[in-house]
Amino acid sequence: MKKILIVEDDAFLQGLSAKKLSKEGYSIITASDTPEGLKALEENPDIVLLDLVLPGGDGYMILAALRAKESMKDTPVIIFSNLAEDKDIKKARDLGATDFMIKSNFTLDELAEKVKELIG
């Protein structure tokens, strides 16, 4: 079973995403802040869904740490954030984000489809 790490501090959105993706047949790991997200990387998820604004740091820190791990340098990372300025998207892409989804612009079905595209 493929593992998805969801790093999101909004409990409602984290719960909805986890429920939807679990129904799609994925194993779900969740983290609500930067320290938890960094620790959860030890689980070697198959894909990471990552918010950028997090307590205890930010998603950029997690993305940089993930890309620094040899075993995870090719792991797909979907940023899902309300930070939608070009500079935020560029910074995430420069750090190795696979895709960038703006929270207010996608449905859970679209998120599930994107995950399927990237990891099957």
PDB file of N, CA and C in Angstrom:
ATOM      1  N   MET A   1       0.845  -1.183   0.000  1.00  0.00           N
ATOM      2  CA  MET A   1       0.000   0.000   0.000  1.00  0.00           C
ATOM      3  C   MET A   1       0.887   1.243   0.000  1.00  0.00           C
ATOM      4  N   LYS A   2       0.627   2.157  -0.903  1.00  0.00           N
ATOM      5  CA  LYS A   2       1.444   3.370  -1.004  1.00  0.00           C
ATOM      6  C   LYS A   2       1.116   4.319   0.148  1.00  0.00           C
ATOM      7  N   LYS A   3       2.180   4.959   0.671  1.00  0.00           N
ATOM      8  CA  LYS A   3       2.037   5.853   1.823  1.00  0.00           C
ATOM      9  C   LYS A   3       2.027   7.309   1.388  1.00  0.00           C
ATOM     10  N   ILE A   4       1.081   8.060   1.944  1.00  0.00           N
ATOM     11  CA  ILE A   4       0.991   9.496   1.704  1.00  0.00           C
ATOM     12  C   ILE A   4       1.203  10.218   3.024  1.00  0.00           C
ATOM     13  N   LEU A   5       2.137  11.148   3.032  1.00  0.00           N
ATOM     14  CA  LEU A   5       2.330  12.020   4.192  1.00  0.00           C
ATOM     15  C   LEU A   5       1.596  13.326   3.917  1.00  0.00           C
ATOM     16  N   ILE A   6       0.671  13.675   4.801  1.00  0.00           N
ATOM     17  CA  ILE A   6      -0.053  14.946   4.708  1.00  0.00           C
ATOM     18  C   ILE A   6       0.441  15.837   5.843  1.00  0.00           C
ATOM     19  N   VAL A   7       1.092  16.945   5.484  1.00  0.00           N
ATOM     20  CA  VAL A   7       1.564  17.899   6.480  1.00  0.00           C
ATOM     21  C   VAL A   7       0.685  19.145   6.349  1.00  0.00           C
ATOM     22  N   GLU A   8      -0.241  19.287   7.282  1.00  0.00           N
ATOM     23  CA  GLU A   8      -1.255  20.345   7.209  1.00  0.00           C
ATOM     24  C   GLU A   8      -1.708  20.684   8.628  1.00  0.00           C
ATOM     25  N   ASP A   9      -1.649  21.967   8.995  1.00  0.00           N
ATOM     26  CA  ASP A   9      -2.040  22.349  10.352  1.00  0.00           C
ATOM     27  C   ASP A   9      -3.541  22.596  10.505  1.00  0.00           C
ATOM     28  N   ASP A  10      -4.268  22.717   9.422  1.00  0.00           N
ATOM     29  CA  ASP A  10      -5.718  22.868   9.488  1.00  0.00           C
ATOM     30  C   ASP A  10      -6.324  21.475   9.672  1.00  0.00           C
ATOM     31  N   ALA A  11      -6.789  21.191  10.894  1.00  0.00           N
ATOM     32  CA  ALA A  11      -7.270  19.843  11.228  1.00  0.00           C
ATOM     33  C   ALA A  11      -8.419  19.405  10.322  1.00  0.00           C
ATOM     34  N   PHE A  12      -9.297  20.337   9.969  1.00  0.00           N
ATOM     35  CA  PHE A  12     -10.434  20.010   9.118  1.00  0.00           C
ATOM     36  C   PHE A  12      -9.960  19.569   7.734  1.00  0.00           C
ATOM     37  N   LEU A  13      -9.108  20.368   7.113  1.00  0.00           N
ATOM     38  CA  LEU A  13      -8.601  20.028   5.787  1.00  0.00           C
ATOM     39  C   LEU A  13      -7.746  18.758   5.828  1.00  0.00           C
ATOM     40  N   GLN A  14      -6.933  18.631   6.869  1.00  0.00           N
ATOM     41  CA  GLN A  14      -6.117  17.419   7.007  1.00  0.00           C
ATOM     42  C   GLN A  14      -7.017  16.182   7.098  1.00  0.00           C
ATOM     43  N   GLY A  15      -8.075  16.281   7.905  1.00  0.00           N
ATOM     44  CA  GLY A  15      -8.990  15.154   8.080  1.00  0.00           C
ATOM     45  C   GLY A  15      -9.724  14.798   6.798  1.00  0.00           C
ATOM     46  N   LEU A  16     -10.209  15.820   6.087  1.00  0.00           N
ATOM     47  CA  LEU A  16     -10.913  15.570   4.823  1.00  0.00           C
ATOM     48  C   LEU A  16      -9.983  14.917   3.798  1.00  0.00           C
ATOM     49  N   SER A  17      -8.771  15.438   3.682  1.00  0.00           N
ATOM     50  CA  SER A  17      -7.806  14.900   2.723  1.00  0.00           C
ATOM     51  C   SER A  17      -7.444  13.461   3.078  1.00  0.00           C
ATOM     52  N   ALA A  18      -7.189  13.227   4.362  1.00  0.00           N
ATOM     53  CA  ALA A  18      -6.815  11.881   4.812  1.00  0.00           C
ATOM     54  C   ALA A  18      -7.943  10.888   4.548  1.00  0.00           C
ATOM     55  N   LYS A  19      -9.174  11.290   4.842  1.00  0.00           N
ATOM     56  CA  LYS A  19     -10.327  10.404   4.642  1.00  0.00           C
ATOM     57  C   LYS A  19     -10.493  10.063   3.161  1.00  0.00           C
ATOM     58  N   LYS A  20     -10.432  11.078   2.315  1.00  0.00           N
ATOM     59  CA  LYS A  20     -10.605  10.875   0.877  1.00  0.00           C
ATOM     60  C   LYS A  20      -9.517   9.949   0.326  1.00  0.00           C
ATOM     61  N   LEU A  21      -8.275  10.212   0.665  1.00  0.00           N
ATOM     62  CA  LEU A  21      -7.166   9.426   0.114  1.00  0.00           C
ATOM     63  C   LEU A  21      -7.112   8.020   0.713  1.00  0.00           C
ATOM     64  N   SER A  22      -7.548   7.880   1.946  1.00  0.00           N
ATOM     65  CA  SER A  22      -7.633   6.559   2.563  1.00  0.00           C
ATOM     66  C   SER A  22      -8.669   5.712   1.825  1.00  0.00           C
ATOM     67  N   LYS A  23      -9.810   6.321   1.474  1.00  0.00           N
ATOM     68  CA  LYS A  23     -10.851   5.617   0.705  1.00  0.00           C
ATOM     69  C   LYS A  23     -10.340   5.196  -0.667  1.00  0.00           C
ATOM     70  N   GLU A  24      -9.348   5.927  -1.190  1.00  0.00           N
ATOM     71  CA  GLU A  24      -8.757   5.606  -2.493  1.00  0.00           C
ATOM     72  C   GLU A  24      -7.744   4.460  -2.381  1.00  0.00           C
ATOM     73  N   GLY A  25      -7.505   3.993  -1.161  1.00  0.00           N
ATOM     74  CA  GLY A  25      -6.632   2.833  -0.976  1.00  0.00           C
ATOM     75  C   GLY A  25      -5.205   3.140  -0.547  1.00  0.00           C
ATOM     76  N   TYR A  26      -4.967   4.358  -0.077  1.00  0.00           N
ATOM     77  CA  TYR A  26      -3.621   4.730   0.361  1.00  0.00           C
ATOM     78  C   TYR A  26      -3.518   4.663   1.883  1.00  0.00           C
ATOM     79  N   SER A  27      -2.301   4.422   2.356  1.00  0.00           N
ATOM     80  CA  SER A  27      -1.991   4.504   3.776  1.00  0.00           C
ATOM     81  C   SER A  27      -1.634   5.959   4.072  1.00  0.00           C
ATOM     82  N   ILE A  28      -2.186   6.511   5.145  1.00  0.00           N
ATOM     83  CA  ILE A  28      -2.030   7.937   5.424  1.00  0.00           C
ATOM     84  C   ILE A  28      -1.213   8.165   6.693  1.00  0.00           C
ATOM     85  N   ILE A  29      -0.252   9.061   6.587  1.00  0.00           N
ATOM     86  CA  ILE A  29       0.525   9.545   7.729  1.00  0.00           C
ATOM     87  C   ILE A  29       0.224  11.040   7.801  1.00  0.00           C
ATOM     88  N   THR A  30      -0.050  11.568   8.995  1.00  0.00           N
ATOM     89  CA  THR A  30      -0.339  12.997   9.100  1.00  0.00           C
ATOM     90  C   THR A  30       0.619  13.675  10.067  1.00  0.00           C
ATOM     91  N   ALA A  31       0.835  14.954   9.820  1.00  0.00           N
ATOM     92  CA  ALA A  31       1.620  15.808  10.700  1.00  0.00           C
ATOM     93  C   ALA A  31       0.973  17.182  10.692  1.00  0.00           C
ATOM     94  N   SER A  32       0.990  17.851  11.842  1.00  0.00           N
ATOM     95  CA  SER A  32       0.302  19.132  11.966  1.00  0.00           C
ATOM     96  C   SER A  32       1.237  20.328  12.105  1.00  0.00           C
ATOM     97  N   ASP A  33       2.538  20.072  12.201  1.00  0.00           N
ATOM     98  CA  ASP A  33       3.485  21.179  12.297  1.00  0.00           C
ATOM     99  C   ASP A  33       4.825  20.756  11.701  1.00  0.00           C
ATOM    100  N   THR A  34       5.751  21.692  11.650  1.00  0.00           N
ATOM    101  CA  THR A  34       7.036  21.414  11.006  1.00  0.00           C
ATOM    102  C   THR A  34       7.830  20.311  11.707  1.00  0.00           C
ATOM    103  N   PRO A  35       7.978  20.347  13.049  1.00  0.00           N
ATOM    104  CA  PRO A  35       8.717  19.243  13.690  1.00  0.00           C
ATOM    105  C   PRO A  35       8.106  17.862  13.426  1.00  0.00           C
ATOM    106  N   GLU A  36       6.773  17.760  13.500  1.00  0.00           N
ATOM    107  CA  GLU A  36       6.106  16.476  13.206  1.00  0.00           C
ATOM    108  C   GLU A  36       6.341  16.074  11.754  1.00  0.00           C
ATOM    109  N   GLY A  37       6.278  17.046  10.854  1.00  0.00           N
ATOM    110  CA  GLY A  37       6.497  16.773   9.433  1.00  0.00           C
ATOM    111  C   GLY A  37       7.895  16.253   9.169  1.00  0.00           C
ATOM    112  N   LEU A  38       8.881  16.876   9.805  1.00  0.00           N
ATOM    113  CA  LEU A  38      10.268  16.422   9.631  1.00  0.00           C
ATOM    114  C   LEU A  38      10.438  15.009  10.165  1.00  0.00           C
ATOM    115  N   LYS A  39       9.839  14.724  11.336  1.00  0.00           N
ATOM    116  CA  LYS A  39       9.935  13.378  11.915  1.00  0.00           C
ATOM    117  C   LYS A  39       9.247  12.350  11.017  1.00  0.00           C
ATOM    118  N   ALA A  40       8.113  12.723  10.433  1.00  0.00           N
ATOM    119  CA  ALA A  40       7.336  11.804   9.598  1.00  0.00           C
ATOM    120  C   ALA A  40       8.075  11.420   8.314  1.00  0.00           C
ATOM    121  N   LEU A  41       9.061  12.208   7.908  1.00  0.00           N
ATOM    122  CA  LEU A  41       9.856  11.849   6.726  1.00  0.00           C
ATOM    123  C   LEU A  41      10.572  10.511   6.926  1.00  0.00           C
ATOM    124  N   GLU A  42      10.806  10.144   8.199  1.00  0.00           N
ATOM    125  CA  GLU A  42      11.457   8.863   8.505  1.00  0.00           C
ATOM    126  C   GLU A  42      10.631   7.672   8.008  1.00  0.00           C
ATOM    127  N   GLU A  43       9.340   7.890   7.790  1.00  0.00           N
ATOM    128  CA  GLU A  43       8.444   6.830   7.303  1.00  0.00           C
ATOM    129  C   GLU A  43       8.637   6.570   5.805  1.00  0.00           C
ATOM    130  N   ASN A  44       9.454   7.393   5.144  1.00  0.00           N
ATOM    131  CA  ASN A  44       9.688   7.284   3.696  1.00  0.00           C
ATOM    132  C   ASN A  44       8.389   7.169   2.901  1.00  0.00           C
ATOM    133  N   PRO A  45       7.543   8.211   2.970  1.00  0.00           N
ATOM    134  CA  PRO A  45       6.288   8.167   2.206  1.00  0.00           C
ATOM    135  C   PRO A  45       6.552   8.142   0.705  1.00  0.00           C
ATOM    136  N   ASP A  46       5.552   7.669  -0.032  1.00  0.00           N
ATOM    137  CA  ASP A  46       5.656   7.620  -1.495  1.00  0.00           C
ATOM    138  C   ASP A  46       5.365   8.979  -2.128  1.00  0.00           C
ATOM    139  N   ILE A  47       4.638   9.820  -1.396  1.00  0.00           N
ATOM    140  CA  ILE A  47       4.318  11.176  -1.858  1.00  0.00           C
ATOM    141  C   ILE A  47       4.049  12.024  -0.618  1.00  0.00           C
ATOM    142  N   VAL A  48       4.305  13.324  -0.736  1.00  0.00           N
ATOM    143  CA  VAL A  48       4.067  14.243   0.376  1.00  0.00           C
ATOM    144  C   VAL A  48       3.140  15.358  -0.102  1.00  0.00           C
ATOM    145  N   LEU A  49       2.085  15.592   0.673  1.00  0.00           N
ATOM    146  CA  LEU A  49       1.197  16.730   0.457  1.00  0.00           C
ATOM    147  C   LEU A  49       1.557  17.740   1.539  1.00  0.00           C
ATOM    148  N   LEU A  50       2.017  18.905   1.143  1.00  0.00           N
ATOM    149  CA  LEU A  50       2.695  19.803   2.071  1.00  0.00           C
ATOM    150  C   LEU A  50       2.132  21.214   2.042  1.00  0.00           C
ATOM    151  N   ASP A  51       1.683  21.668   3.203  1.00  0.00           N
ATOM    152  CA  ASP A  51       1.295  23.064   3.361  1.00  0.00           C
ATOM    153  C   ASP A  51       2.574  23.870   3.582  1.00  0.00           C
ATOM    154  N   LEU A  52       2.552  25.142   3.249  1.00  0.00           N
ATOM    155  CA  LEU A  52       3.738  25.983   3.450  1.00  0.00           C
ATOM    156  C   LEU A  52       3.715  26.739   4.765  1.00  0.00           C
ATOM    157  N   VAL A  53       2.530  27.149   5.219  1.00  0.00           N
ATOM    158  CA  VAL A  53       2.422  27.904   6.470  1.00  0.00           C
ATOM    159  C   VAL A  53       2.103  26.914   7.589  1.00  0.00           C
ATOM    160  N   LEU A  54       3.105  26.675   8.438  1.00  0.00           N
ATOM    161  CA  LEU A  54       2.979  25.674   9.494  1.00  0.00           C
ATOM    162  C   LEU A  54       3.556  26.214  10.803  1.00  0.00           C
ATOM    163  N   PRO A  55       3.016  25.760  11.939  1.00  0.00           N
ATOM    164  CA  PRO A  55       3.629  26.117  13.220  1.00  0.00           C
ATOM    165  C   PRO A  55       5.024  25.490  13.335  1.00  0.00           C
ATOM    166  N   GLY A  56       5.915  26.165  14.007  1.00  0.00           N
ATOM    167  CA  GLY A  56       7.238  25.607  14.282  1.00  0.00           C
ATOM    168  C   GLY A  56       8.188  25.630  13.098  1.00  0.00           C
ATOM    169  N   GLY A  57       7.902  26.447  12.104  1.00  0.00           N
ATOM    170  CA  GLY A  57       8.748  26.516  10.906  1.00  0.00           C
ATOM    171  C   GLY A  57       7.863  26.724   9.696  1.00  0.00           C
ATOM    172  N   ASP A  58       8.231  26.094   8.582  1.00  0.00           N
ATOM    173  CA  ASP A  58       7.372  26.187   7.398  1.00  0.00           C
ATOM    174  C   ASP A  58       7.608  24.994   6.481  1.00  0.00           C
ATOM    175  N   GLY A  59       6.752  24.902   5.478  1.00  0.00           N
ATOM    176  CA  GLY A  59       6.844  23.798   4.534  1.00  0.00           C
ATOM    177  C   GLY A  59       8.131  23.798   3.729  1.00  0.00           C
ATOM    178  N   TYR A  60       8.700  24.983   3.515  1.00  0.00           N
ATOM    179  CA  TYR A  60       9.963  25.062   2.778  1.00  0.00           C
ATOM    180  C   TYR A  60      11.061  24.284   3.507  1.00  0.00           C
ATOM    181  N   MET A  61      11.058  24.358   4.855  1.00  0.00           N
ATOM    182  CA  MET A  61      12.057  23.624   5.651  1.00  0.00           C
ATOM    183  C   MET A  61      11.908  22.115   5.435  1.00  0.00           C
ATOM    184  N   ILE A  62      10.664  21.661   5.426  1.00  0.00           N
ATOM    185  CA  ILE A  62      10.403  20.228   5.237  1.00  0.00           C
ATOM    186  C   ILE A  62      10.807  19.808   3.827  1.00  0.00           C
ATOM    187  N   LEU A  63      10.462  20.626   2.848  1.00  0.00           N
ATOM    188  CA  LEU A  63      10.804  20.321   1.460  1.00  0.00           C
ATOM    189  C   LEU A  63      12.319  20.243   1.279  1.00  0.00           C
ATOM    190  N   ALA A  64      13.049  21.181   1.860  1.00  0.00           N
ATOM    191  CA  ALA A  64      14.514  21.171   1.758  1.00  0.00           C
ATOM    192  C   ALA A  64      15.101  19.936   2.438  1.00  0.00           C
ATOM    193  N   ALA A  65      14.566  19.577   3.610  1.00  0.00           N
ATOM    194  CA  ALA A  65      15.061  18.398   4.332  1.00  0.00           C
ATOM    195  C   ALA A  65      14.776  17.124   3.539  1.00  0.00           C
ATOM    196  N   LEU A  66      13.595  17.052   2.956  1.00  0.00           N
ATOM    197  CA  LEU A  66      13.206  15.890   2.158  1.00  0.00           C
ATOM    198  C   LEU A  66      14.139  15.732   0.955  1.00  0.00           C
ATOM    199  N   ARG A  67      14.390  16.813   0.245  1.00  0.00           N
ATOM    200  CA  ARG A  67      15.247  16.746  -0.941  1.00  0.00           C
ATOM    201  C   ARG A  67      16.696  16.452  -0.582  1.00  0.00           C
ATOM    202  N   ALA A  68      17.090  16.732   0.660  1.00  0.00           N
ATOM    203  CA  ALA A  68      18.459  16.450   1.095  1.00  0.00           C
ATOM    204  C   ALA A  68      18.665  14.965   1.411  1.00  0.00           C
ATOM    205  N   LYS A  69      17.565  14.222   1.604  1.00  0.00           N
ATOM    206  CA  LYS A  69      17.663  12.782   1.873  1.00  0.00           C
ATOM    207  C   LYS A  69      17.808  12.045   0.544  1.00  0.00           C
ATOM    208  N   GLU A  70      18.856  11.296   0.407  1.00  0.00           N
ATOM    209  CA  GLU A  70      19.103  10.564  -0.845  1.00  0.00           C
ATOM    210  C   GLU A  70      17.906   9.679  -1.209  1.00  0.00           C
ATOM    211  N   SER A  71      17.319   9.030  -0.212  1.00  0.00           N
ATOM    212  CA  SER A  71      16.215   8.100  -0.470  1.00  0.00           C
ATOM    213  C   SER A  71      14.927   8.818  -0.896  1.00  0.00           C
ATOM    214  N   MET A  72      14.868  10.143  -0.711  1.00  0.00           N
ATOM    215  CA  MET A  72      13.636  10.862  -1.016  1.00  0.00           C
ATOM    216  C   MET A  72      13.823  11.962  -2.057  1.00  0.00           C
ATOM    217  N   LYS A  73      14.974  11.985  -2.711  1.00  0.00           N
ATOM    218  CA  LYS A  73      15.221  13.094  -3.643  1.00  0.00           C
ATOM    219  C   LYS A  73      14.260  13.086  -4.825  1.00  0.00           C
ATOM    220  N   ASP A  74      13.665  11.927  -5.137  1.00  0.00           N
ATOM    221  CA  ASP A  74      12.718  11.845  -6.248  1.00  0.00           C
ATOM    222  C   ASP A  74      11.265  11.667  -5.798  1.00  0.00           C
ATOM    223  N   THR A  75      11.018  11.740  -4.485  1.00  0.00           N
ATOM    224  CA  THR A  75       9.656  11.590  -3.973  1.00  0.00           C
ATOM    225  C   THR A  75       8.798  12.772  -4.427  1.00  0.00           C
ATOM    226  N   PRO A  76       7.645  12.509  -5.042  1.00  0.00           N
ATOM    227  CA  PRO A  76       6.783  13.628  -5.446  1.00  0.00           C
ATOM    228  C   PRO A  76       6.290  14.424  -4.238  1.00  0.00           C
ATOM    229  N   VAL A  77       6.273  15.741  -4.383  1.00  0.00           N
ATOM    230  CA  VAL A  77       5.769  16.628  -3.342  1.00  0.00           C
ATOM    231  C   VAL A  77       4.761  17.582  -3.988  1.00  0.00           C
ATOM    232  N   ILE A  78       3.534  17.529  -3.487  1.00  0.00           N
ATOM    233  CA  ILE A  78       2.517  18.480  -3.922  1.00  0.00           C
ATOM    234  C   ILE A  78       2.364  19.517  -2.816  1.00  0.00           C
ATOM    235  N   ILE A  79       2.671  20.752  -3.147  1.00  0.00           N
ATOM    236  CA  ILE A  79       2.435  21.840  -2.204  1.00  0.00           C
ATOM    237  C   ILE A  79       0.956  22.187  -2.307  1.00  0.00           C
ATOM    238  N   PHE A  80       0.260  22.212  -1.162  1.00  0.00           N
ATOM    239  CA  PHE A  80      -1.078  22.780  -1.204  1.00  0.00           C
ATOM    240  C   PHE A  80      -1.152  23.854  -0.142  1.00  0.00           C
ATOM    241  N   SER A  81      -1.363  25.057  -0.654  1.00  0.00           N
ATOM    242  CA  SER A  81      -1.229  26.238   0.178  1.00  0.00           C
ATOM    243  C   SER A  81      -2.153  27.344  -0.308  1.00  0.00           C
ATOM    244  N   ASN A  82      -2.378  28.309   0.563  1.00  0.00           N
ATOM    245  CA  ASN A  82      -3.081  29.521   0.145  1.00  0.00           C
ATOM    246  C   ASN A  82      -2.091  30.587  -0.293  1.00  0.00           C
ATOM    247  N   LEU A  83      -0.797  30.333  -0.101  1.00  0.00           N
ATOM    248  CA  LEU A  83       0.218  31.250  -0.617  1.00  0.00           C
ATOM    249  C   LEU A  83       0.248  31.053  -2.129  1.00  0.00           C
ATOM    250  N   ALA A  84      -0.219  32.043  -2.853  1.00  0.00           N
ATOM    251  CA  ALA A  84      -0.371  31.848  -4.297  1.00  0.00           C
ATOM    252  C   ALA A  84       0.421  32.859  -5.114  1.00  0.00           C
ATOM    253  N   GLU A  85       1.288  33.610  -4.451  1.00  0.00           N
ATOM    254  CA  GLU A  85       2.078  34.585  -5.194  1.00  0.00           C
ATOM    255  C   GLU A  85       3.164  33.865  -5.992  1.00  0.00           C
ATOM    256  N   ASP A  86       3.535  34.466  -7.109  1.00  0.00           N
ATOM    257  CA  ASP A  86       4.554  33.864  -7.971  1.00  0.00           C
ATOM    258  C   ASP A  86       5.830  33.543  -7.206  1.00  0.00           C
ATOM    259  N   LYS A  87       6.223  34.421  -6.273  1.00  0.00           N
ATOM    260  CA  LYS A  87       7.471  34.197  -5.525  1.00  0.00           C
ATOM    261  C   LYS A  87       7.373  32.936  -4.654  1.00  0.00           C
ATOM    262  N   ASP A  88       6.202  32.674  -4.092  1.00  0.00           N
ATOM    263  CA  ASP A  88       6.015  31.471  -3.270  1.00  0.00           C
ATOM    264  C   ASP A  88       6.078  30.216  -4.133  1.00  0.00           C
ATOM    265  N   ILE A  89       5.402  30.268  -5.272  1.00  0.00           N
ATOM    266  CA  ILE A  89       5.391  29.130  -6.194  1.00  0.00           C
ATOM    267  C   ILE A  89       6.802  28.872  -6.727  1.00  0.00           C
ATOM    268  N   LYS A  90       7.510  29.947  -7.084  1.00  0.00           N
ATOM    269  CA  LYS A  90       8.880  29.811  -7.605  1.00  0.00           C
ATOM    270  C   LYS A  90       9.796  29.208  -6.542  1.00  0.00           C
ATOM    271  N   LYS A  91       9.703  29.697  -5.303  1.00  0.00           N
ATOM    272  CA  LYS A  91      10.557  29.173  -4.230  1.00  0.00           C
ATOM    273  C   LYS A  91      10.295  27.674  -4.022  1.00  0.00           C
ATOM    274  N   ALA A  92       9.028  27.294  -4.015  1.00  0.00           N
ATOM    275  CA  ALA A  92       8.678  25.876  -3.840  1.00  0.00           C
ATOM    276  C   ALA A  92       9.224  25.044  -5.000  1.00  0.00           C
ATOM    277  N   ARG A  93       9.059  25.541  -6.214  1.00  0.00           N
ATOM    278  CA  ARG A  93       9.578  24.815  -7.393  1.00  0.00           C
ATOM    279  C   ARG A  93      11.107  24.711  -7.339  1.00  0.00           C
ATOM    280  N   ASP A  94      11.765  25.817  -6.954  1.00  0.00           N
ATOM    281  CA  ASP A  94      13.229  25.816  -6.873  1.00  0.00           C
ATOM    282  C   ASP A  94      13.740  24.811  -5.844  1.00  0.00           C
ATOM    283  N   LEU A  95      12.954  24.580  -4.789  1.00  0.00           N
ATOM    284  CA  LEU A  95      13.338  23.613  -3.760  1.00  0.00           C
ATOM    285  C   LEU A  95      12.971  22.186  -4.149  1.00  0.00           C
ATOM    286  N   GLY A  96      12.274  22.028  -5.269  1.00  0.00           N
ATOM    287  CA  GLY A  96      11.996  20.675  -5.753  1.00  0.00           C
ATOM    288  C   GLY A  96      10.557  20.211  -5.658  1.00  0.00           C
ATOM    289  N   ALA A  97       9.612  21.126  -5.451  1.00  0.00           N
ATOM    290  CA  ALA A  97       8.202  20.724  -5.427  1.00  0.00           C
ATOM    291  C   ALA A  97       7.801  20.190  -6.807  1.00  0.00           C
ATOM    292  N   THR A  98       7.025  19.128  -6.814  1.00  0.00           N
ATOM    293  CA  THR A  98       6.556  18.517  -8.050  1.00  0.00           C
ATOM    294  C   THR A  98       5.394  19.299  -8.638  1.00  0.00           C
ATOM    295  N   ASP A  99       4.495  19.745  -7.743  1.00  0.00           N
ATOM    296  CA  ASP A  99       3.313  20.469  -8.186  1.00  0.00           C
ATOM    297  C   ASP A  99       2.898  21.444  -7.101  1.00  0.00           C
ATOM    298  N   PHE A 100       2.067  22.406  -7.468  1.00  0.00           N
ATOM    299  CA  PHE A 100       1.610  23.441  -6.544  1.00  0.00           C
ATOM    300  C   PHE A 100       0.112  23.609  -6.751  1.00  0.00           C
ATOM    301  N   MET A 101      -0.660  23.338  -5.704  1.00  0.00           N
ATOM    302  CA  MET A 101      -2.114  23.476  -5.783  1.00  0.00           C
ATOM    303  C   MET A 101      -2.558  24.516  -4.756  1.00  0.00           C
ATOM    304  N   ILE A 102      -3.347  25.472  -5.201  1.00  0.00           N
ATOM    305  CA  ILE A 102      -3.845  26.507  -4.307  1.00  0.00           C
ATOM    306  C   ILE A 102      -5.119  25.979  -3.647  1.00  0.00           C
ATOM    307  N   LYS A 103      -5.118  25.974  -2.311  1.00  0.00           N
ATOM    308  CA  LYS A 103      -6.194  25.331  -1.552  1.00  0.00           C
ATOM    309  C   LYS A 103      -7.585  25.710  -2.022  1.00  0.00           C
ATOM    310  N   SER A 104      -7.808  26.983  -2.264  1.00  0.00           N
ATOM    311  CA  SER A 104      -9.158  27.424  -2.619  1.00  0.00           C
ATOM    312  C   SER A 104      -9.543  27.058  -4.047  1.00  0.00           C
ATOM    313  N   ASN A 105      -8.593  26.513  -4.822  1.00  0.00           N
ATOM    314  CA  ASN A 105      -8.847  26.257  -6.245  1.00  0.00           C
ATOM    315  C   ASN A 105      -8.949  24.784  -6.627  1.00  0.00           C
ATOM    316  N   PHE A 106      -8.993  23.870  -5.657  1.00  0.00           N
ATOM    317  CA  PHE A 106      -9.111  22.460  -6.034  1.00  0.00           C
ATOM    318  C   PHE A 106     -10.077  21.721  -5.126  1.00  0.00           C
ATOM    319  N   THR A 107     -10.625  20.628  -5.657  1.00  0.00           N
ATOM    320  CA  THR A 107     -11.512  19.769  -4.879  1.00  0.00           C
ATOM    321  C   THR A 107     -10.713  18.552  -4.404  1.00  0.00           C
ATOM    322  N   LEU A 108     -11.297  17.821  -3.466  1.00  0.00           N
ATOM    323  CA  LEU A 108     -10.631  16.602  -2.990  1.00  0.00           C
ATOM    324  C   LEU A 108     -10.519  15.571  -4.106  1.00  0.00           C
ATOM    325  N   ASP A 109     -11.496  15.540  -4.998  1.00  0.00           N
ATOM    326  CA  ASP A 109     -11.418  14.616  -6.137  1.00  0.00           C
ATOM    327  C   ASP A 109     -10.226  14.971  -7.030  1.00  0.00           C
ATOM    328  N   GLU A 110     -10.015  16.264  -7.243  1.00  0.00           N
ATOM    329  CA  GLU A 110      -8.862  16.696  -8.055  1.00  0.00           C
ATOM    330  C   GLU A 110      -7.548  16.347  -7.366  1.00  0.00           C
ATOM    331  N   LEU A 111      -7.514  16.498  -6.047  1.00  0.00           N
ATOM    332  CA  LEU A 111      -6.317  16.130  -5.290  1.00  0.00           C
ATOM    333  C   LEU A 111      -6.043  14.630  -5.436  1.00  0.00           C
ATOM    334  N   ALA A 112      -7.079  13.813  -5.298  1.00  0.00           N
ATOM    335  CA  ALA A 112      -6.929  12.361  -5.432  1.00  0.00           C
ATOM    336  C   ALA A 112      -6.446  11.994  -6.834  1.00  0.00           C
ATOM    337  N   GLU A 113      -6.975  12.663  -7.847  1.00  0.00           N
ATOM    338  CA  GLU A 113      -6.542  12.408  -9.230  1.00  0.00           C
ATOM    339  C   GLU A 113      -5.065  12.751  -9.417  1.00  0.00           C
ATOM    340  N   LYS A 114      -4.645  13.867  -8.845  1.00  0.00           N
ATOM    341  CA  LYS A 114      -3.236  14.292  -8.953  1.00  0.00           C
ATOM    342  C   LYS A 114      -2.330  13.255  -8.274  1.00  0.00           C
ATOM    343  N   VAL A 115      -2.735  12.764  -7.120  1.00  0.00           N
ATOM    344  CA  VAL A 115      -1.958  11.745  -6.412  1.00  0.00           C
ATOM    345  C   VAL A 115      -1.847  10.486  -7.285  1.00  0.00           C
ATOM    346  N   LYS A 116      -2.981  10.060  -7.858  1.00  0.00           N
ATOM    347  CA  LYS A 116      -2.987   8.879  -8.724  1.00  0.00           C
ATOM    348  C   LYS A 116      -2.049   9.053  -9.911  1.00  0.00           C
ATOM    349  N   GLU A 117      -2.054  10.253 -10.504  1.00  0.00           N
ATOM    350  CA  GLU A 117      -1.161  10.542 -11.629  1.00  0.00           C
ATOM    351  C   GLU A 117       0.298  10.347 -11.235  1.00  0.00           C
ATOM    352  N   LEU A 118       0.628  10.783 -10.030  1.00  0.00           N
ATOM    353  CA  LEU A 118       2.036  10.798  -9.612  1.00  0.00           C
ATOM    354  C   LEU A 118       2.536   9.478  -9.043  1.00  0.00           C
ATOM    355  N   ILE A 119       1.686   8.735  -8.324  1.00  0.00           N
ATOM    356  CA  ILE A 119       2.177   7.494  -7.698  1.00  0.00           C
ATOM    357  C   ILE A 119       1.331   6.274  -8.010  1.00  0.00           C
ATOM    358  N   GLY A 120       0.254   6.434  -8.752  1.00  0.00           N
ATOM    359  CA  GLY A 120      -0.566   5.283  -9.115  1.00  0.00           C
ATOM    360  C   GLY A 120      -1.589   4.913  -8.090  1.00  0.00           C
TER     361      GLY A 120
END
